[in-house]
Amino acid sequence: MLNNNLKKIEVKNLTNSTKEFIKKNRIKGIILGCTELPLAFPKSKFKDVKIFDSLDILADAIITHLKTPVLPLLVKGGARGGFNVKISL
């Protein structure tokens, strides 16, 4: 498992091996689905293949979602017979 204790030379060897594998197998894209993978596979070192970083995708989706206006719905029948505000997402 990759972690923060990888030495620079190990990362370089891993990067070179991965580049060879990508070229040999004509891979067009890689999904980095774990939080530590972008540390070992920086986009700047892989110009010939599309890198999909799951954390970037998640961050973009959250920002887009937060920019979307949300209208509150008033729902009658609170604890005291008043109105509750219900947020619809």
Protein backbone atom coordinates (compact mmCIF):
# COMPACT_ATOMS: atom_id res chain seq x y z
CA MET A 1 0.00 0.00 0.00
CA LEU A 2 1.22 3.44 -0.86
CA ASN A 3 1.80 5.85 2.00
CA ASN A 4 3.63 9.05 2.87
CA ASN A 5 6.81 7.12 3.73
CA LEU A 6 7.65 6.27 0.12
CA LYS A 7 11.14 7.38 -0.79
CA LYS A 8 11.59 9.63 -3.83
CA ILE A 9 13.47 6.93 -5.71
CA GLU A 10 10.66 4.43 -5.11
CA VAL A 11 8.12 6.92 -6.47
CA LYS A 12 10.34 7.58 -9.50
CA ASN A 13 10.68 3.84 -10.18
CA LEU A 14 6.94 3.36 -9.76
CA THR A 15 6.26 6.28 -12.11
CA ASN A 16 8.62 4.92 -14.77
CA SER A 17 7.18 1.40 -14.51
CA THR A 18 3.67 2.78 -14.77
CA LYS A 19 4.55 4.86 -17.84
CA GLU A 20 5.99 1.75 -19.53
CA PHE A 21 2.85 -0.25 -18.67
CA ILE A 22 0.59 2.54 -20.01
CA LYS A 23 2.51 2.74 -23.28
CA LYS A 24 2.74 -1.03 -23.76
CA ASN A 25 -0.98 -1.54 -23.13
CA ARG A 26 -2.16 1.64 -24.93
CA ILE A 27 -4.05 2.83 -21.88
CA LYS A 28 -5.97 6.06 -22.46
CA GLY A 29 -7.07 6.85 -18.92
CA ILE A 30 -6.40 6.03 -15.27
CA ILE A 31 -8.82 6.40 -12.37
CA LEU A 32 -7.08 7.33 -9.11
CA GLY A 33 -9.69 6.03 -6.67
CA CYS A 34 -7.75 6.28 -3.41
CA THR A 35 -6.61 9.39 -1.56
CA GLU A 36 -2.89 8.54 -1.63
CA LEU A 37 -2.62 7.70 -5.34
CA PRO A 38 -2.29 11.32 -6.59
CA LEU A 39 0.88 11.54 -4.47
CA ALA A 40 2.46 8.71 -6.44
CA PHE A 41 0.87 9.54 -9.81
CA PRO A 42 0.89 13.34 -10.25
CA LYS A 43 -0.91 14.51 -13.38
CA SER A 44 2.14 16.53 -14.43
CA LYS A 45 4.16 13.33 -14.94
CA PHE A 46 1.51 11.62 -17.11
CA LYS A 47 0.87 13.93 -20.08
CA ASP A 48 -0.02 11.13 -22.54
CA VAL A 49 -2.89 9.66 -20.53
CA LYS A 50 -6.03 11.15 -18.98
CA ILE A 51 -5.89 11.04 -15.17
CA PHE A 52 -9.20 10.93 -13.31
CA ASP A 53 -8.55 11.91 -9.70
CA SER A 54 -11.57 10.89 -7.60
CA LEU A 55 -10.90 13.65 -5.06
CA ASP A 56 -10.86 16.32 -7.80
CA ILE A 57 -14.10 14.92 -9.21
CA LEU A 58 -15.71 14.92 -5.76
CA ALA A 59 -14.54 18.47 -4.99
CA ASP A 60 -15.89 19.75 -8.33
CA ALA A 61 -19.24 18.04 -7.71
CA ILE A 62 -19.53 19.56 -4.21
CA ILE A 63 -18.74 23.05 -5.50
CA THR A 64 -21.27 22.68 -8.31
CA HIS A 65 -23.88 21.43 -5.85
CA LEU A 66 -23.25 24.28 -3.42
CA LYS A 67 -23.63 26.84 -6.22
CA THR A 68 -27.06 25.42 -7.13
CA PRO A 69 -29.89 27.39 -5.51
CA VAL A 70 -31.98 25.35 -3.10
CA LEU A 71 -35.50 26.48 -2.35
CA PRO A 72 -36.81 25.69 1.12
CA LEU A 73 -40.24 24.09 1.35
CA LEU A 74 -42.57 25.06 4.18
CA VAL A 75 -44.16 22.00 5.70
CA LYS A 76 -47.16 22.46 8.00
CA GLY A 77 -47.34 20.41 11.15
CA GLY A 78 -44.36 21.14 13.33
CA ALA A 79 -44.24 20.13 16.99
CA ARG A 80 -46.39 23.14 17.92
CA GLY A 81 -48.60 23.12 14.83
CA GLY A 82 -46.46 25.71 13.00
CA PHE A 83 -44.37 25.39 9.92
CA ASN A 84 -41.11 23.53 9.54
CA VAL A 85 -38.57 24.44 6.89
CA LYS A 86 -37.60 21.40 4.88
CA ILE A 87 -34.64 21.70 2.52
CA SER A 88 -35.02 19.69 -0.65
CA LEU A 89 -31.72 18.54 -2.14
